[in-house]
C-alpha atoms as a PDB file:
ATOM      1  CA  UNK A   1     -10.682 -13.882 -20.378  1.00  0.00           C
ATOM      2  CA  UNK A   2     -12.583 -10.728 -19.613  1.00  0.00           C
ATOM      3  CA  UNK A   3     -11.715  -7.145 -18.810  1.00  0.00           C
ATOM      4  CA  UNK A   4     -14.209  -7.183 -15.983  1.00  0.00           C
ATOM      5  CA  UNK A   5     -17.879  -7.044 -15.168  1.00  0.00           C
ATOM      6  CA  UNK A   6     -20.310  -4.947 -17.221  1.00  0.00           C
ATOM      7  CA  UNK A   7     -20.563  -2.672 -14.186  1.00  0.00           C
ATOM      8  CA  UNK A   8     -16.809  -2.010 -14.224  1.00  0.00           C
ATOM      9  CA  UNK A   9     -16.731  -1.377 -17.960  1.00  0.00           C
ATOM     10  CA  UNK A  10     -19.724   0.957 -17.797  1.00  0.00           C
ATOM     11  CA  UNK A  11     -18.278   2.881 -14.855  1.00  0.00           C
ATOM     12  CA  UNK A  12     -14.945   3.355 -16.649  1.00  0.00           C
ATOM     13  CA  UNK A  13     -16.680   4.480 -19.841  1.00  0.00           C
ATOM     14  CA  UNK A  14     -18.691   6.998 -17.819  1.00  0.00           C
ATOM     15  CA  UNK A  15     -15.573   8.517 -16.283  1.00  0.00           C
ATOM     16  CA  UNK A  16     -15.452   6.946 -12.831  1.00  0.00           C
ATOM     17  CA  UNK A  17     -11.774   7.417 -11.837  1.00  0.00           C
ATOM     18  CA  UNK A  18     -11.570   4.281  -9.688  1.00  0.00           C
ATOM     19  CA  UNK A  19     -12.936   2.189 -12.542  1.00  0.00           C
ATOM     20  CA  UNK A  20     -10.595   3.884 -15.027  1.00  0.00           C
ATOM     21  CA  UNK A  21      -7.689   3.069 -12.738  1.00  0.00           C
ATOM     22  CA  UNK A  22      -8.743  -0.570 -12.409  1.00  0.00           C
ATOM     23  CA  UNK A  23      -9.000  -0.936 -16.181  1.00  0.00           C
ATOM     24  CA  UNK A  24      -5.556   0.638 -16.559  1.00  0.00           C
ATOM     25  CA  UNK A  25      -4.062  -1.762 -14.032  1.00  0.00           C
ATOM     26  CA  UNK A  26      -5.615  -4.761 -15.775  1.00  0.00           C
ATOM     27  CA  UNK A  27      -4.165  -3.738 -19.140  1.00  0.00           C
ATOM     28  CA  UNK A  28      -0.815  -3.052 -17.463  1.00  0.00           C
ATOM     29  CA  UNK A  29      -0.666  -6.456 -15.775  1.00  0.00           C
ATOM     30  CA  UNK A  30      -2.479  -8.485 -18.433  1.00  0.00           C
ATOM     31  CA  UNK A  31      -5.115  -9.453 -15.892  1.00  0.00           C
ATOM     32  CA  UNK A  32      -8.195 -10.778 -17.705  1.00  0.00           C
ATOM     33  CA  UNK A  33      -7.056  -9.115 -20.924  1.00  0.00           C
ATOM     34  CA  UNK A  34      -3.974  -9.118 -23.154  1.00  0.00           C
ATOM     35  CA  UNK A  35      -1.367  -6.789 -21.680  1.00  0.00           C
ATOM     36  CA  UNK A  36      -1.127  -3.494 -23.536  1.00  0.00           C
ATOM     37  CA  UNK A  37       0.957  -0.764 -21.897  1.00  0.00           C
ATOM     38  CA  UNK A  38      -0.166   1.950 -24.314  1.00  0.00           C
ATOM     39  CA  UNK A  39      -3.835   1.382 -23.495  1.00  0.00           C
ATOM     40  CA  UNK A  40      -3.002   0.978 -19.808  1.00  0.00           C
ATOM     41  CA  UNK A  41      -1.345   4.385 -19.697  1.00  0.00           C
ATOM     42  CA  UNK A  42      -4.310   6.009 -21.436  1.00  0.00           C
ATOM     43  CA  UNK A  43      -6.675   4.759 -18.728  1.00  0.00           C
ATOM     44  CA  UNK A  44      -4.268   5.654 -15.952  1.00  0.00           C
ATOM     45  CA  UNK A  45      -3.902   9.169 -17.368  1.00  0.00           C
ATOM     46  CA  UNK A  46      -7.686   9.570 -17.391  1.00  0.00           C
ATOM     47  CA  UNK A  47      -7.917   8.552 -13.750  1.00  0.00           C
ATOM     48  CA  UNK A  48      -4.912  10.687 -12.799  1.00  0.00           C
ATOM     49  CA  UNK A  49      -6.434  13.806 -14.367  1.00  0.00           C
ATOM     50  CA  UNK A  50      -9.276  13.440 -11.854  1.00  0.00           C
ATOM     51  CA  UNK A  51      -6.788  13.406  -9.000  1.00  0.00           C
ATOM     52  CA  UNK A  52      -7.020   9.712  -8.093  1.00  0.00           C
ATOM     53  CA  UNK A  53      -3.998   9.105  -5.851  1.00  0.00           C
ATOM     54  CA  UNK A  54      -3.189   5.494  -6.885  1.00  0.00           C
ATOM     55  CA  UNK A  55      -3.308   6.475 -10.563  1.00  0.00           C
ATOM     56  CA  UNK A  56      -0.988   9.434 -10.006  1.00  0.00           C
ATOM     57  CA  UNK A  57       1.414   7.273  -8.063  1.00  0.00           C
ATOM     58  CA  UNK A  58       1.371   4.451 -10.607  1.00  0.00           C
ATOM     59  CA  UNK A  59       1.961   6.874 -13.468  1.00  0.00           C
ATOM     60  CA  UNK A  60       4.905   8.305 -11.572  1.00  0.00           C
ATOM     61  CA  UNK A  61       6.299   4.810 -11.209  1.00  0.00           C
ATOM     62  CA  UNK A  62       6.003   4.199 -14.970  1.00  0.00           C
ATOM     63  CA  UNK A  63       7.898   7.411 -15.744  1.00  0.00           C
ATOM     64  CA  UNK A  64      10.498   6.636 -13.110  1.00  0.00           C
ATOM     65  CA  UNK A  65      11.215   3.194 -14.577  1.00  0.00           C
ATOM     66  CA  UNK A  66      10.562   4.024 -18.241  1.00  0.00           C
ATOM     67  CA  UNK A  67       7.820   1.401 -18.512  1.00  0.00           C
ATOM     68  CA  UNK A  68       5.789   2.098 -21.642  1.00  0.00           C
ATOM     69  CA  UNK A  69       7.006   5.697 -21.725  1.00  0.00           C
ATOM     70  CA  UNK A  70      10.296   7.549 -22.032  1.00  0.00           C
ATOM     71  CA  UNK A  71      12.007   7.704 -18.651  1.00  0.00           C
ATOM     72  CA  UNK A  72      11.416  11.116 -17.098  1.00  0.00           C
ATOM     73  CA  UNK A  73      12.395  11.497 -13.448  1.00  0.00           C
ATOM     74  CA  UNK A  74      11.046  15.042 -13.168  1.00  0.00           C
ATOM     75  CA  UNK A  75       7.621  13.985 -14.381  1.00  0.00           C
ATOM     76  CA  UNK A  76       7.821  10.869 -12.218  1.00  0.00           C
ATOM     77  CA  UNK A  77       8.295  12.990  -9.118  1.00  0.00           C
ATOM     78  CA  UNK A  78       5.580  15.463 -10.147  1.00  0.00           C
ATOM     79  CA  UNK A  79       3.045  12.711 -10.836  1.00  0.00           C
ATOM     80  CA  UNK A  80       3.967  10.704  -7.753  1.00  0.00           C
ATOM     81  CA  UNK A  81       3.422  13.692  -5.448  1.00  0.00           C
ATOM     82  CA  UNK A  82       0.501  15.373  -7.232  1.00  0.00           C
ATOM     83  CA  UNK A  83      -1.996  13.496  -5.076  1.00  0.00           C
ATOM     84  CA  UNK A  84      -0.783  15.198  -1.898  1.00  0.00           C
ATOM     85  CA  UNK A  85      -2.814  18.353  -2.478  1.00  0.00           C
ATOM     86  CA  UNK A  86      -6.015  16.286  -2.385  1.00  0.00           C
ATOM     87  CA  UNK A  87      -4.958  14.146   0.567  1.00  0.00           C
ATOM     88  CA  UNK A  88      -5.324  16.662   3.399  1.00  0.00           C
ATOM     89  CA  UNK A  89      -7.267  15.129   6.267  1.00  0.00           C
ATOM     90  CA  UNK A  90      -7.271  11.687   4.632  1.00  0.00           C
ATOM     91  CA  UNK A  91      -5.582   8.415   5.454  1.00  0.00           C
ATOM     92  CA  UNK A  92      -3.111   7.229   2.828  1.00  0.00           C
ATOM     93  CA  UNK A  93      -1.330   3.882   2.938  1.00  0.00           C
ATOM     94  CA  UNK A  94       2.298   4.293   1.919  1.00  0.00           C
ATOM     95  CA  UNK A  95       5.236   1.903   2.076  1.00  0.00           C
ATOM     96  CA  UNK A  96       7.907   3.062   4.489  1.00  0.00           C
ATOM     97  CA  UNK A  97      10.770   3.512   1.959  1.00  0.00           C
ATOM     98  CA  UNK A  98       8.786   6.297   0.264  1.00  0.00           C
ATOM     99  CA  UNK A  99       8.456   8.459   3.379  1.00  0.00           C
ATOM    100  CA  UNK A 100      11.815  10.100   2.692  1.00  0.00           C
ATOM    101  CA  UNK A 101      10.459  11.571  -0.558  1.00  0.00           C
ATOM    102  CA  UNK A 102       7.520  13.430   0.973  1.00  0.00           C
ATOM    103  CA  UNK A 103       8.045  17.198   0.683  1.00  0.00           C
ATOM    104  CA  UNK A 104       8.473  19.444   3.703  1.00  0.00           C
ATOM    105  CA  UNK A 105       5.603  21.812   2.829  1.00  0.00           C
ATOM    106  CA  UNK A 106       3.002  19.499   4.416  1.00  0.00           C
ATOM    107  CA  UNK A 107       2.677  18.079   7.913  1.00  0.00           C
ATOM    108  CA  UNK A 108       2.200  14.330   8.240  1.00  0.00           C
ATOM    109  CA  UNK A 109       0.886  12.099  11.003  1.00  0.00           C
ATOM    110  CA  UNK A 110       2.567   8.778  10.391  1.00  0.00           C
ATOM    111  CA  UNK A 111       1.178   5.612  11.945  1.00  0.00           C
ATOM    112  CA  UNK A 112       3.983   3.075  11.821  1.00  0.00           C
ATOM    113  CA  UNK A 113       2.974  -0.550  12.212  1.00  0.00           C
ATOM    114  CA  UNK A 114       5.696  -2.697  13.783  1.00  0.00           C
ATOM    115  CA  UNK A 115       5.808  -6.476  13.704  1.00  0.00           C
ATOM    116  CA  UNK A 116       8.641  -8.854  14.677  1.00  0.00           C
ATOM    117  CA  UNK A 117      10.756  -9.039  11.552  1.00  0.00           C
ATOM    118  CA  UNK A 118      11.072 -12.808  11.779  1.00  0.00           C
ATOM    119  CA  UNK A 119       7.272 -12.996  11.471  1.00  0.00           C
ATOM    120  CA  UNK A 120       7.353 -10.607   8.508  1.00  0.00           C
ATOM    121  CA  UNK A 121       9.871 -12.762   6.646  1.00  0.00           C
ATOM    122  CA  UNK A 122       7.909 -15.935   7.424  1.00  0.00           C
ATOM    123  CA  UNK A 123       4.725 -14.315   6.121  1.00  0.00           C
ATOM    124  CA  UNK A 124       6.486 -13.213   2.942  1.00  0.00           C
ATOM    125  CA  UNK A 125       7.788 -16.731   2.368  1.00  0.00           C
ATOM    126  CA  UNK A 126       4.273 -18.122   2.727  1.00  0.00           C
ATOM    127  CA  UNK A 127       2.938 -15.634   0.166  1.00  0.00           C
ATOM    128  CA  UNK A 128       5.765 -16.451  -2.246  1.00  0.00           C
ATOM    129  CA  UNK A 129       5.119 -20.175  -1.873  1.00  0.00           C
ATOM    130  CA  UNK A 130       1.406 -19.738  -2.560  1.00  0.00           C
ATOM    131  CA  UNK A 131       2.304 -17.793  -5.717  1.00  0.00           C
ATOM    132  CA  UNK A 132       4.642 -20.583  -6.822  1.00  0.00           C
ATOM    133  CA  UNK A 133       7.734 -18.432  -6.351  1.00  0.00           C
ATOM    134  CA  UNK A 134      11.037 -19.564  -4.873  1.00  0.00           C
ATOM    135  CA  UNK A 135      11.557 -18.931  -1.162  1.00  0.00           C
ATOM    136  CA  UNK A 136      14.748 -18.587   0.878  1.00  0.00           C
ATOM    137  CA  UNK A 137      16.706 -17.355  -2.144  1.00  0.00           C
ATOM    138  CA  UNK A 138      18.377 -15.122   0.418  1.00  0.00           C
ATOM    139  CA  UNK A 139      18.789 -16.587   3.933  1.00  0.00           C
ATOM    140  CA  UNK A 140      16.091 -15.367   6.309  1.00  0.00           C
ATOM    141  CA  UNK A 141      18.684 -14.074   8.744  1.00  0.00           C
ATOM    142  CA  UNK A 142      20.187 -11.850   6.036  1.00  0.00           C
ATOM    143  CA  UNK A 143      16.759 -10.463   5.115  1.00  0.00           C
ATOM    144  CA  UNK A 144      16.001  -9.705   8.764  1.00  0.00           C
ATOM    145  CA  UNK A 145      19.341  -7.932   9.145  1.00  0.00           C
ATOM    146  CA  UNK A 146      18.648  -5.758   6.109  1.00  0.00           C
ATOM    147  CA  UNK A 147      15.173  -4.918   7.424  1.00  0.00           C
ATOM    148  CA  UNK A 148      16.627  -3.921  10.792  1.00  0.00           C
ATOM    149  CA  UNK A 149      19.135  -1.648   9.094  1.00  0.00           C
ATOM    150  CA  UNK A 150      16.374  -0.034   7.052  1.00  0.00           C
ATOM    151  CA  UNK A 151      14.165   0.454  10.102  1.00  0.00           C
ATOM    152  CA  UNK A 152      16.955   2.296  11.924  1.00  0.00           C
ATOM    153  CA  UNK A 153      17.424   4.585   8.932  1.00  0.00           C
ATOM    154  CA  UNK A 154      13.688   5.160   8.576  1.00  0.00           C
ATOM    155  CA  UNK A 155      13.238   5.963  12.277  1.00  0.00           C
ATOM    156  CA  UNK A 156      16.058   8.510  12.031  1.00  0.00           C
ATOM    157  CA  UNK A 157      14.292  10.186   9.106  1.00  0.00           C
ATOM    158  CA  UNK A 158      10.993  10.354  10.989  1.00  0.00           C
ATOM    159  CA  UNK A 159      12.673  11.745  14.088  1.00  0.00           C
ATOM    160  CA  UNK A 160      14.827  14.220  12.185  1.00  0.00           C
ATOM    161  CA  UNK A 161      12.180  15.997  10.124  1.00  0.00           C
ATOM    162  CA  UNK A 162       9.745  18.400  11.781  1.00  0.00           C
ATOM    163  CA  UNK A 163       7.006  17.654   9.240  1.00  0.00           C
ATOM    164  CA  UNK A 164       6.523  14.176  10.745  1.00  0.00           C
ATOM    165  CA  UNK A 165       4.576  13.245  13.878  1.00  0.00           C
ATOM    166  CA  UNK A 166       4.779   9.501  14.469  1.00  0.00           C
ATOM    167  CA  UNK A 167       2.711   6.942  16.355  1.00  0.00           C
ATOM    168  CA  UNK A 168       4.141   3.423  16.576  1.00  0.00           C
ATOM    169  CA  UNK A 169       1.548   0.650  16.747  1.00  0.00           C
ATOM    170  CA  UNK A 170       2.716  -2.879  17.461  1.00  0.00           C
ATOM    171  CA  UNK A 171       1.047  -5.680  15.553  1.00  0.00           C
ATOM    172  CA  UNK A 172       0.839  -7.955  18.590  1.00  0.00           C
ATOM    173  CA  UNK A 173      -0.851  -5.221  20.621  1.00  0.00           C
ATOM    174  CA  UNK A 174      -3.470  -4.768  17.909  1.00  0.00           C
ATOM    175  CA  UNK A 175      -4.274  -8.477  17.922  1.00  0.00           C
ATOM    176  CA  UNK A 176      -4.340  -8.616  21.736  1.00  0.00           C
ATOM    177  CA  UNK A 177      -6.498  -5.525  22.315  1.00  0.00           C
ATOM    178  CA  UNK A 178      -7.705  -3.984  19.067  1.00  0.00           C
ATOM    179  CA  UNK A 179     -10.037  -1.500  20.725  1.00  0.00           C
ATOM    180  CA  UNK A 180      -7.308   0.010  22.885  1.00  0.00           C
ATOM    181  CA  UNK A 181      -5.044   0.430  19.867  1.00  0.00           C
ATOM    182  CA  UNK A 182      -7.870   1.876  17.787  1.00  0.00           C
ATOM    183  CA  UNK A 183      -8.438   4.415  20.561  1.00  0.00           C
ATOM    184  CA  UNK A 184      -4.729   5.350  20.473  1.00  0.00           C
ATOM    185  CA  UNK A 185      -4.935   5.940  16.736  1.00  0.00           C
ATOM    186  CA  UNK A 186      -8.105   7.972  17.193  1.00  0.00           C
ATOM    187  CA  UNK A 187      -6.427  10.260  19.718  1.00  0.00           C
ATOM    188  CA  UNK A 188      -3.375  10.626  17.495  1.00  0.00           C
ATOM    189  CA  UNK A 189      -5.356  11.849  14.488  1.00  0.00           C
ATOM    190  CA  UNK A 190      -7.537  14.178  16.527  1.00  0.00           C
ATOM    191  CA  UNK A 191     -10.633  12.037  17.095  1.00  0.00           C
ATOM    192  CA  UNK A 192     -13.671  11.226  15.020  1.00  0.00           C
ATOM    193  CA  UNK A 193     -12.777   7.663  14.030  1.00  0.00           C
ATOM    194  CA  UNK A 194     -15.174   4.712  14.321  1.00  0.00           C
ATOM    195  CA  UNK A 195     -13.277   2.902  17.077  1.00  0.00           C
ATOM    196  CA  UNK A 196     -15.714   0.012  17.488  1.00  0.00           C
ATOM    197  CA  UNK A 197     -15.768  -0.684  13.755  1.00  0.00           C
ATOM    198  CA  UNK A 198     -11.973  -0.566  13.634  1.00  0.00           C
ATOM    199  CA  UNK A 199     -11.739  -3.111  16.455  1.00  0.00           C
ATOM    200  CA  UNK A 200     -14.380  -5.322  14.858  1.00  0.00           C
ATOM    201  CA  UNK A 201     -12.404  -5.362  11.591  1.00  0.00           C
ATOM    202  CA  UNK A 202      -9.355  -6.724  13.436  1.00  0.00           C
ATOM    203  CA  UNK A 203     -11.438  -9.444  15.099  1.00  0.00           C
ATOM    204  CA  UNK A 204     -12.927 -10.487  11.748  1.00  0.00           C
ATOM    205  CA  UNK A 205      -9.512 -10.557  10.053  1.00  0.00           C
ATOM    206  CA  UNK A 206      -8.144 -12.624  12.934  1.00  0.00           C
ATOM    207  CA  UNK A 207     -11.000 -15.135  12.608  1.00  0.00           C
ATOM    208  CA  UNK A 208     -10.400 -15.459   8.857  1.00  0.00           C
ATOM    209  CA  UNK A 209      -6.681 -15.958   9.438  1.00  0.00           C
ATOM    210  CA  UNK A 210      -7.382 -18.659  12.019  1.00  0.00           C
ATOM    211  CA  UNK A 211      -9.699 -20.494   9.633  1.00  0.00           C
ATOM    212  CA  UNK A 212      -7.138 -20.252   6.833  1.00  0.00           C
ATOM    213  CA  UNK A 213      -4.306 -21.529   9.029  1.00  0.00           C
ATOM    214  CA  UNK A 214      -6.473 -24.388  10.251  1.00  0.00           C
ATOM    215  CA  UNK A 215      -7.285 -25.301   6.665  1.00  0.00           C
ATOM    216  CA  UNK A 216      -3.631 -25.344   5.692  1.00  0.00           C
ATOM    217  CA  UNK A 217      -2.729 -27.397   8.758  1.00  0.00           C
ATOM    218  CA  UNK A 218      -5.289 -30.051   7.891  1.00  0.00           C
ATOM    219  CA  UNK A 219      -3.781 -30.735   4.476  1.00  0.00           C
ATOM    220  CA  UNK A 220      -0.085 -30.418   5.296  1.00  0.00           C
END
């Protein structure tokens, strides 16, 4: 077991926030090292003090759940949202259930990726199976129904708050014509994106997925 490469360890020791965050995550999860929440939080705090968004968010989660620290919902909210001040003009990946907690004093351009929910559930089952976890603990139809209910609620939140401007991008459209969808996203955010590189990334991901599926088919 190892904490990581010499490069990672040196970068963390020299104060690189991304490296500090990675070390904190590894101690938190026991990945390559014995899990130690106290040490994990020390590294996460170091990264958070430099404004690293994932570290701030993860710290907030620890305080929200009382993991390794005394539960403190006020601090959880403060830590979880502290990264916003440094996120102006940047792209931030956020899971949809957290959109409701974003404060009104910023304006947000939300790019919402939609995919047929049956495909989402199938994909999740595949990932669970690869990880050795049980699948179909809850019937797929029930999961899809819950997702649909959530999506209706989430769309109402996006439509009902003036701080949100929303662009819906459909997964199938991205696969079918990645350049056209990249151009839509570019227009939505005000231009300046590398459209060709965005499209090329989709093509490469699609090729990798095809190779992976072919590999699985050959041994099933």
